Each structure stands twice: as C-alpha cells, then as structure tokens.
Amino acid sequence: MIKNDDLESMIDRIMAGLPAGLTTLGRDVEHNIRAAIQSGLRKMDLVTREEFDIQREVLGRTRARLEALEKQVATLEGKN
C-alpha cells in the first residue's frame, strides 16, 4: 500500500491543482479527496512493500530449492 508520506504528497498536489474557489473550502475538500483516494486504494487490493519483499524472498528460496531438486533428479536419472 502507499505510505502515508506518499499519500500526503499526492493530496498536496491535488489540492494545489484545484481552482481557487475550491481550495477555499479547505478541510472539507481535503477530507473528501483523502477518503476517495484511500477507498480506491483499498479496492485495488494492493499489498504492502513489506509483504511484497517477504514473498520475493520466499520465491527466491523456492527457486533455489527447485534448482537443487532438478539437479538431484538429473543425477539420479543418469545413474539408471
């Protein structure tokens, strides 16, 4: 998921791009934008960077184990 700093930066950019009349509404507009962005991100079913990194490590270990097993099978097949 997006970090709070990234979310704040995104909201700041959106607020800066709004016409002057809307920016005077201030907090209400910011609150609505924040809620819309967070809702959209939740619907995307994103994973955190930490979850992604963990799964990448698991995949790396699995790949290494698979390669070792393939070598072992090739060796065993060569003996027959």
PDB file of N, CA and C in Angstrom:
ATOM      1  N   MET A   1       0.851  -1.165   0.000  1.00  0.00           N
ATOM      2  CA  MET A   1       0.000   0.000   0.000  1.00  0.00           C
ATOM      3  C   MET A   1       0.900   1.232   0.000  1.00  0.00           C
ATOM      4  N   ILE A   2       0.334   2.343  -0.331  1.00  0.00           N
ATOM      5  CA  ILE A   2       1.080   3.592  -0.382  1.00  0.00           C
ATOM      6  C   ILE A   2       1.353   4.084   1.032  1.00  0.00           C
ATOM      7  N   LYS A   3       2.575   4.553   1.275  1.00  0.00           N
ATOM      8  CA  LYS A   3       2.935   5.085   2.583  1.00  0.00           C
ATOM      9  C   LYS A   3       2.212   6.404   2.822  1.00  0.00           C
ATOM     10  N   ASN A   4       2.048   6.751   4.094  1.00  0.00           N
ATOM     11  CA  ASN A   4       1.362   7.989   4.452  1.00  0.00           C
ATOM     12  C   ASN A   4       2.025   9.208   3.830  1.00  0.00           C
ATOM     13  N   ASP A   5       3.357   9.216   3.780  1.00  0.00           N
ATOM     14  CA  ASP A   5       4.069  10.359   3.187  1.00  0.00           C
ATOM     15  C   ASP A   5       3.709  10.506   1.714  1.00  0.00           C
ATOM     16  N   ASP A   6       3.619   9.371   1.012  1.00  0.00           N
ATOM     17  CA  ASP A   6       3.257   9.408  -0.402  1.00  0.00           C
ATOM     18  C   ASP A   6       1.823   9.879  -0.570  1.00  0.00           C
ATOM     19  N   LEU A   7       0.944   9.421   0.300  1.00  0.00           N
ATOM     20  CA  LEU A   7      -0.463   9.823   0.250  1.00  0.00           C
ATOM     21  C   LEU A   7      -0.598  11.319   0.517  1.00  0.00           C
ATOM     22  N   GLU A   8       0.120  11.815   1.500  1.00  0.00           N
ATOM     23  CA  GLU A   8       0.080  13.246   1.823  1.00  0.00           C
ATOM     24  C   GLU A   8       0.586  14.069   0.641  1.00  0.00           C
ATOM     25  N   SER A   9       1.661  13.604   0.026  1.00  0.00           N
ATOM     26  CA  SER A   9       2.214  14.307  -1.131  1.00  0.00           C
ATOM     27  C   SER A   9       1.211  14.328  -2.280  1.00  0.00           C
ATOM     28  N   MET A  10       0.528  13.202  -2.510  1.00  0.00           N
ATOM     29  CA  MET A  10      -0.468  13.126  -3.571  1.00  0.00           C
ATOM     30  C   MET A  10      -1.614  14.099  -3.294  1.00  0.00           C
ATOM     31  N   ILE A  11      -2.074  14.145  -2.057  1.00  0.00           N
ATOM     32  CA  ILE A  11      -3.169  15.051  -1.693  1.00  0.00           C
ATOM     33  C   ILE A  11      -2.733  16.502  -1.841  1.00  0.00           C
ATOM     34  N   ASP A  12      -1.514  16.813  -1.427  1.00  0.00           N
ATOM     35  CA  ASP A  12      -0.995  18.180  -1.578  1.00  0.00           C
ATOM     36  C   ASP A  12      -0.972  18.597  -3.045  1.00  0.00           C
ATOM     37  N   ARG A  13      -0.564  17.690  -3.925  1.00  0.00           N
ATOM     38  CA  ARG A  13      -0.519  18.015  -5.357  1.00  0.00           C
ATOM     39  C   ARG A  13      -1.925  18.222  -5.915  1.00  0.00           C
ATOM     40  N   ILE A  14      -2.856  17.384  -5.466  1.00  0.00           N
ATOM     41  CA  ILE A  14      -4.243  17.543  -5.925  1.00  0.00           C
ATOM     42  C   ILE A  14      -4.802  18.873  -5.446  1.00  0.00           C
ATOM     43  N   MET A  15      -4.578  19.176  -4.183  1.00  0.00           N
ATOM     44  CA  MET A  15      -5.082  20.432  -3.613  1.00  0.00           C
ATOM     45  C   MET A  15      -4.481  21.635  -4.339  1.00  0.00           C
ATOM     46  N   ALA A  16      -3.199  21.546  -4.682  1.00  0.00           N
ATOM     47  CA  ALA A  16      -2.533  22.652  -5.379  1.00  0.00           C
ATOM     48  C   ALA A  16      -3.106  22.842  -6.783  1.00  0.00           C
ATOM     49  N   GLY A  17      -3.607  21.767  -7.384  1.00  0.00           N
ATOM     50  CA  GLY A  17      -4.132  21.847  -8.735  1.00  0.00           C
ATOM     51  C   GLY A  17      -5.595  22.252  -8.819  1.00  0.00           C
ATOM     52  N   LEU A  18      -6.255  22.367  -7.680  1.00  0.00           N
ATOM     53  CA  LEU A  18      -7.671  22.743  -7.682  1.00  0.00           C
ATOM     54  C   LEU A  18      -7.845  24.230  -7.964  1.00  0.00           C
ATOM     55  N   PRO A  19      -8.944  24.598  -8.582  1.00  0.00           N
ATOM     56  CA  PRO A  19      -9.226  26.022  -8.785  1.00  0.00           C
ATOM     57  C   PRO A  19      -9.325  26.743  -7.439  1.00  0.00           C
ATOM     58  N   ALA A  20      -9.046  28.029  -7.451  1.00  0.00           N
ATOM     59  CA  ALA A  20      -9.005  28.820  -6.213  1.00  0.00           C
ATOM     60  C   ALA A  20     -10.305  28.730  -5.423  1.00  0.00           C
ATOM     61  N   GLY A  21     -11.433  28.680  -6.077  1.00  0.00           N
ATOM     62  CA  GLY A  21     -12.707  28.613  -5.379  1.00  0.00           C
ATOM     63  C   GLY A  21     -12.855  27.357  -4.540  1.00  0.00           C
ATOM     64  N   LEU A  22     -12.317  26.257  -5.024  1.00  0.00           N
ATOM     65  CA  LEU A  22     -12.425  25.005  -4.280  1.00  0.00           C
ATOM     66  C   LEU A  22     -11.440  24.925  -3.127  1.00  0.00           C
ATOM     67  N   THR A  23     -10.286  25.523  -3.300  1.00  0.00           N
ATOM     68  CA  THR A  23      -9.299  25.450  -2.230  1.00  0.00           C
ATOM     69  C   THR A  23      -9.747  26.233  -1.005  1.00  0.00           C
ATOM     70  N   THR A  24     -10.651  27.192  -1.176  1.00  0.00           N
ATOM     71  CA  THR A  24     -11.134  27.932  -0.012  1.00  0.00           C
ATOM     72  C   THR A  24     -12.010  27.052   0.868  1.00  0.00           C
ATOM     73  N   LEU A  25     -12.546  25.976   0.307  1.00  0.00           N
ATOM     74  CA  LEU A  25     -13.322  25.035   1.115  1.00  0.00           C
ATOM     75  C   LEU A  25     -12.409  24.214   2.024  1.00  0.00           C
ATOM     76  N   GLY A  26     -11.142  24.202   1.678  1.00  0.00           N
ATOM     77  CA  GLY A  26     -10.092  23.646   2.510  1.00  0.00           C
ATOM     78  C   GLY A  26     -10.299  22.246   3.038  1.00  0.00           C
ATOM     79  N   ARG A  27     -10.541  22.159   4.326  1.00  0.00           N
ATOM     80  CA  ARG A  27     -10.586  20.890   5.030  1.00  0.00           C
ATOM     81  C   ARG A  27     -11.625  19.924   4.461  1.00  0.00           C
ATOM     82  N   ASP A  28     -12.787  20.402   4.079  1.00  0.00           N
ATOM     83  CA  ASP A  28     -13.817  19.513   3.543  1.00  0.00           C
ATOM     84  C   ASP A  28     -13.358  18.855   2.251  1.00  0.00           C
ATOM     85  N   VAL A  29     -12.779  19.665   1.366  1.00  0.00           N
ATOM     86  CA  VAL A  29     -12.295  19.130   0.098  1.00  0.00           C
ATOM     87  C   VAL A  29     -11.164  18.149   0.357  1.00  0.00           C
ATOM     88  N   GLU A  30     -10.239  18.515   1.215  1.00  0.00           N
ATOM     89  CA  GLU A  30      -9.107  17.645   1.531  1.00  0.00           C
ATOM     90  C   GLU A  30      -9.595  16.320   2.133  1.00  0.00           C
ATOM     91  N   HIS A  31     -10.540  16.398   3.047  1.00  0.00           N
ATOM     92  CA  HIS A  31     -11.085  15.191   3.677  1.00  0.00           C
ATOM     93  C   HIS A  31     -11.732  14.288   2.625  1.00  0.00           C
ATOM     94  N   ASN A  32     -12.521  14.867   1.730  1.00  0.00           N
ATOM     95  CA  ASN A  32     -13.194  14.082   0.692  1.00  0.00           C
ATOM     96  C   ASN A  32     -12.197  13.464  -0.285  1.00  0.00           C
ATOM     97  N   ILE A  33     -11.173  14.211  -0.644  1.00  0.00           N
ATOM     98  CA  ILE A  33     -10.150  13.685  -1.547  1.00  0.00           C
ATOM     99  C   ILE A  33      -9.414  12.537  -0.867  1.00  0.00           C
ATOM    100  N   ARG A  34      -9.044  12.735   0.381  1.00  0.00           N
ATOM    101  CA  ARG A  34      -8.332  11.695   1.134  1.00  0.00           C
ATOM    102  C   ARG A  34      -9.179  10.415   1.206  1.00  0.00           C
ATOM    103  N   ALA A  35     -10.471  10.562   1.523  1.00  0.00           N
ATOM    104  CA  ALA A  35     -11.353   9.404   1.632  1.00  0.00           C
ATOM    105  C   ALA A  35     -11.495   8.698   0.288  1.00  0.00           C
ATOM    106  N   ALA A  36     -11.609   9.452  -0.788  1.00  0.00           N
ATOM    107  CA  ALA A  36     -11.751   8.857  -2.119  1.00  0.00           C
ATOM    108  C   ALA A  36     -10.496   8.094  -2.521  1.00  0.00           C
ATOM    109  N   ILE A  37      -9.338   8.667  -2.256  1.00  0.00           N
ATOM    110  CA  ILE A  37      -8.082   8.008  -2.609  1.00  0.00           C
ATOM    111  C   ILE A  37      -7.900   6.734  -1.794  1.00  0.00           C
ATOM    112  N   GLN A  38      -8.134   6.810  -0.492  1.00  0.00           N
ATOM    113  CA  GLN A  38      -7.979   5.633   0.362  1.00  0.00           C
ATOM    114  C   GLN A  38      -8.953   4.532  -0.039  1.00  0.00           C
ATOM    115  N   SER A  39     -10.173   4.895  -0.376  1.00  0.00           N
ATOM    116  CA  SER A  39     -11.159   3.913  -0.810  1.00  0.00           C
ATOM    117  C   SER A  39     -10.718   3.245  -2.104  1.00  0.00           C
ATOM    118  N   GLY A  40     -10.241   4.040  -3.036  1.00  0.00           N
ATOM    119  CA  GLY A  40      -9.767   3.489  -4.301  1.00  0.00           C
ATOM    120  C   GLY A  40      -8.592   2.555  -4.117  1.00  0.00           C
ATOM    121  N   LEU A  41      -7.674   2.913  -3.237  1.00  0.00           N
ATOM    122  CA  LEU A  41      -6.509   2.062  -2.989  1.00  0.00           C
ATOM    123  C   LEU A  41      -6.916   0.753  -2.324  1.00  0.00           C
ATOM    124  N   ARG A  42      -7.873   0.800  -1.414  1.00  0.00           N
ATOM    125  CA  ARG A  42      -8.348  -0.433  -0.769  1.00  0.00           C
ATOM    126  C   ARG A  42      -8.989  -1.363  -1.800  1.00  0.00           C
ATOM    127  N   LYS A  43      -9.719  -0.807  -2.727  1.00  0.00           N
ATOM    128  CA  LYS A  43     -10.388  -1.617  -3.751  1.00  0.00           C
ATOM    129  C   LYS A  43      -9.381  -2.275  -4.695  1.00  0.00           C
ATOM    130  N   MET A  44      -8.206  -1.701  -4.820  1.00  0.00           N
ATOM    131  CA  MET A  44      -7.184  -2.266  -5.702  1.00  0.00           C
ATOM    132  C   MET A  44      -6.553  -3.523  -5.111  1.00  0.00           C
ATOM    133  N   ASP A  45      -6.788  -3.788  -3.840  1.00  0.00           N
ATOM    134  CA  ASP A  45      -6.261  -4.975  -3.179  1.00  0.00           C
ATOM    135  C   ASP A  45      -4.730  -5.025  -3.277  1.00  0.00           C
ATOM    136  N   LEU A  46      -4.083  -3.921  -2.962  1.00  0.00           N
ATOM    137  CA  LEU A  46      -2.631  -3.820  -3.025  1.00  0.00           C
ATOM    138  C   LEU A  46      -1.998  -4.466  -1.801  1.00  0.00           C
ATOM    139  N   VAL A  47      -0.758  -4.858  -1.936  1.00  0.00           N
ATOM    140  CA  VAL A  47      -0.012  -5.382  -0.801  1.00  0.00           C
ATOM    141  C   VAL A  47       1.021  -4.344  -0.383  1.00  0.00           C
ATOM    142  N   THR A  48       1.462  -4.452   0.853  1.00  0.00           N
ATOM    143  CA  THR A  48       2.488  -3.526   1.332  1.00  0.00           C
ATOM    144  C   THR A  48       3.840  -3.923   0.735  1.00  0.00           C
ATOM    145  N   ARG A  49       4.754  -3.008   0.782  1.00  0.00           N
ATOM    146  CA  ARG A  49       6.108  -3.291   0.294  1.00  0.00           C
ATOM    147  C   ARG A  49       6.720  -4.423   1.106  1.00  0.00           C
ATOM    148  N   GLU A  50       6.458  -4.419   2.412  1.00  0.00           N
ATOM    149  CA  GLU A  50       6.985  -5.459   3.294  1.00  0.00           C
ATOM    150  C   GLU A  50       6.462  -6.840   2.869  1.00  0.00           C
ATOM    151  N   GLU A  51       5.167  -6.939   2.604  1.00  0.00           N
ATOM    152  CA  GLU A  51       4.585  -8.207   2.156  1.00  0.00           C
ATOM    153  C   GLU A  51       5.194  -8.643   0.822  1.00  0.00           C
ATOM    154  N   PHE A  52       5.386  -7.690  -0.073  1.00  0.00           N
ATOM    155  CA  PHE A  52       5.979  -7.988  -1.370  1.00  0.00           C
ATOM    156  C   PHE A  52       7.392  -8.526  -1.209  1.00  0.00           C
ATOM    157  N   ASP A  53       8.197  -7.859  -0.372  1.00  0.00           N
ATOM    158  CA  ASP A  53       9.582  -8.287  -0.156  1.00  0.00           C
ATOM    159  C   ASP A  53       9.648  -9.678   0.461  1.00  0.00           C
ATOM    160  N   ILE A  54       8.747  -9.978   1.393  1.00  0.00           N
ATOM    161  CA  ILE A  54       8.713 -11.306   2.014  1.00  0.00           C
ATOM    162  C   ILE A  54       8.411 -12.360   0.968  1.00  0.00           C
ATOM    163  N   GLN A  55       7.419 -12.107   0.131  1.00  0.00           N
ATOM    164  CA  GLN A  55       7.061 -13.076  -0.902  1.00  0.00           C
ATOM    165  C   GLN A  55       8.179 -13.242  -1.931  1.00  0.00           C
ATOM    166  N   ARG A  56       8.902 -12.170  -2.217  1.00  0.00           N
ATOM    167  CA  ARG A  56      10.032 -12.258  -3.142  1.00  0.00           C
ATOM    168  C   ARG A  56      11.127 -13.155  -2.565  1.00  0.00           C
ATOM    169  N   GLU A  57      11.385 -13.026  -1.250  1.00  0.00           N
ATOM    170  CA  GLU A  57      12.371 -13.884  -0.592  1.00  0.00           C
ATOM    171  C   GLU A  57      11.930 -15.343  -0.609  1.00  0.00           C
ATOM    172  N   VAL A  58      10.655 -15.581  -0.331  1.00  0.00           N
ATOM    173  CA  VAL A  58      10.123 -16.947  -0.359  1.00  0.00           C
ATOM    174  C   VAL A  58      10.282 -17.530  -1.761  1.00  0.00           C
ATOM    175  N   LEU A  59       9.949 -16.747  -2.764  1.00  0.00           N
ATOM    176  CA  LEU A  59      10.089 -17.208  -4.143  1.00  0.00           C
ATOM    177  C   LEU A  59      11.545 -17.521  -4.472  1.00  0.00           C
ATOM    178  N   GLY A  60      12.458 -16.693  -4.012  1.00  0.00           N
ATOM    179  CA  GLY A  60      13.883 -16.935  -4.259  1.00  0.00           C
ATOM    180  C   GLY A  60      14.353 -18.242  -3.639  1.00  0.00           C
ATOM    181  N   ARG A  61      13.930 -18.492  -2.391  1.00  0.00           N
ATOM    182  CA  ARG A  61      14.293 -19.751  -1.729  1.00  0.00           C
ATOM    183  C   ARG A  61      13.662 -20.943  -2.448  1.00  0.00           C
ATOM    184  N   THR A  62      12.418 -20.786  -2.864  1.00  0.00           N
ATOM    185  CA  THR A  62      11.725 -21.861  -3.571  1.00  0.00           C
ATOM    186  C   THR A  62      12.417 -22.163  -4.893  1.00  0.00           C
ATOM    187  N   ARG A  63      12.806 -21.122  -5.589  1.00  0.00           N
ATOM    188  CA  ARG A  63      13.502 -21.296  -6.874  1.00  0.00           C
ATOM    189  C   ARG A  63      14.829 -22.028  -6.667  1.00  0.00           C
ATOM    190  N   ALA A  64      15.582 -21.640  -5.635  1.00  0.00           N
ATOM    191  CA  ALA A  64      16.857 -22.296  -5.353  1.00  0.00           C
ATOM    192  C   ALA A  64      16.641 -23.769  -5.007  1.00  0.00           C
ATOM    193  N   ARG A  65      15.622 -24.048  -4.217  1.00  0.00           N
ATOM    194  CA  ARG A  65      15.316 -25.442  -3.846  1.00  0.00           C
ATOM    195  C   ARG A  65      14.906 -26.253  -5.083  1.00  0.00           C
ATOM    196  N   LEU A  66      14.109 -25.654  -5.955  1.00  0.00           N
ATOM    197  CA  LEU A  66      13.691 -26.329  -7.182  1.00  0.00           C
ATOM    198  C   LEU A  66      14.894 -26.655  -8.055  1.00  0.00           C
ATOM    199  N   GLU A  67      15.817 -25.730  -8.191  1.00  0.00           N
ATOM    200  CA  GLU A  67      17.012 -25.972  -8.993  1.00  0.00           C
ATOM    201  C   GLU A  67      17.843 -27.104  -8.403  1.00  0.00           C
ATOM    202  N   ALA A  68      17.951 -27.131  -7.074  1.00  0.00           N
ATOM    203  CA  ALA A  68      18.702 -28.200  -6.409  1.00  0.00           C
ATOM    204  C   ALA A  68      18.021 -29.547  -6.645  1.00  0.00           C
ATOM    205  N   LEU A  69      16.710 -29.582  -6.556  1.00  0.00           N
ATOM    206  CA  LEU A  69      15.981 -30.830  -6.797  1.00  0.00           C
ATOM    207  C   LEU A  69      16.086 -31.278  -8.245  1.00  0.00           C
ATOM    208  N   GLU A  70      16.072 -30.326  -9.175  1.00  0.00           N
ATOM    209  CA  GLU A  70      16.237 -30.676 -10.594  1.00  0.00           C
ATOM    210  C   GLU A  70      17.607 -31.316 -10.837  1.00  0.00           C
ATOM    211  N   LYS A  71      18.644 -30.777 -10.201  1.00  0.00           N
ATOM    212  CA  LYS A  71      19.980 -31.354 -10.335  1.00  0.00           C
ATOM    213  C   LYS A  71      20.010 -32.760  -9.748  1.00  0.00           C
ATOM    214  N   GLN A  72      19.365 -32.914  -8.597  1.00  0.00           N
ATOM    215  CA  GLN A  72      19.332 -34.214  -7.936  1.00  0.00           C
ATOM    216  C   GLN A  72      18.605 -35.243  -8.816  1.00  0.00           C
ATOM    217  N   VAL A  73      17.494 -34.849  -9.419  1.00  0.00           N
ATOM    218  CA  VAL A  73      16.744 -35.742 -10.305  1.00  0.00           C
ATOM    219  C   VAL A  73      17.593 -36.084 -11.529  1.00  0.00           C
ATOM    220  N   ALA A  74      18.268 -35.099 -12.091  1.00  0.00           N
ATOM    221  CA  ALA A  74      19.123 -35.346 -13.261  1.00  0.00           C
ATOM    222  C   ALA A  74      20.229 -36.325 -12.902  1.00  0.00           C
ATOM    223  N   THR A  75      20.794 -36.196 -11.736  1.00  0.00           N
ATOM    224  CA  THR A  75      21.844 -37.123 -11.289  1.00  0.00           C
ATOM    225  C   THR A  75      21.286 -38.524 -11.140  1.00  0.00           C
ATOM    226  N   LEU A  76      20.132 -38.644 -10.507  1.00  0.00           N
ATOM    227  CA  LEU A  76      19.518 -39.951 -10.306  1.00  0.00           C
ATOM    228  C   LEU A  76      19.132 -40.590 -11.641  1.00  0.00           C
ATOM    229  N   GLU A  77      18.641 -39.806 -12.570  1.00  0.00           N
ATOM    230  CA  GLU A  77      18.267 -40.329 -13.878  1.00  0.00           C
ATOM    231  C   GLU A  77      19.509 -40.801 -14.648  1.00  0.00           C
ATOM    232  N   GLY A  78      20.595 -40.136 -14.433  1.00  0.00           N
ATOM    233  CA  GLY A  78      21.847 -40.510 -15.107  1.00  0.00           C
ATOM    234  C   GLY A  78      22.387 -41.827 -14.607  1.00  0.00           C
ATOM    235  N   LYS A  79      22.082 -42.223 -13.390  1.00  0.00           N
ATOM    236  CA  LYS A  79      22.572 -43.484 -12.822  1.00  0.00           C
ATOM    237  C   LYS A  79      21.795 -44.674 -13.330  1.00  0.00           C
ATOM    238  N   ASN A  80      20.572 -44.459 -13.827  1.00  0.00           N
ATOM    239  CA  ASN A  80      19.740 -45.579 -14.290  1.00  0.00           C
ATOM    240  C   ASN A  80      20.077 -45.970 -15.683  1.00  0.00           C
TER     241      ASN A  80
END
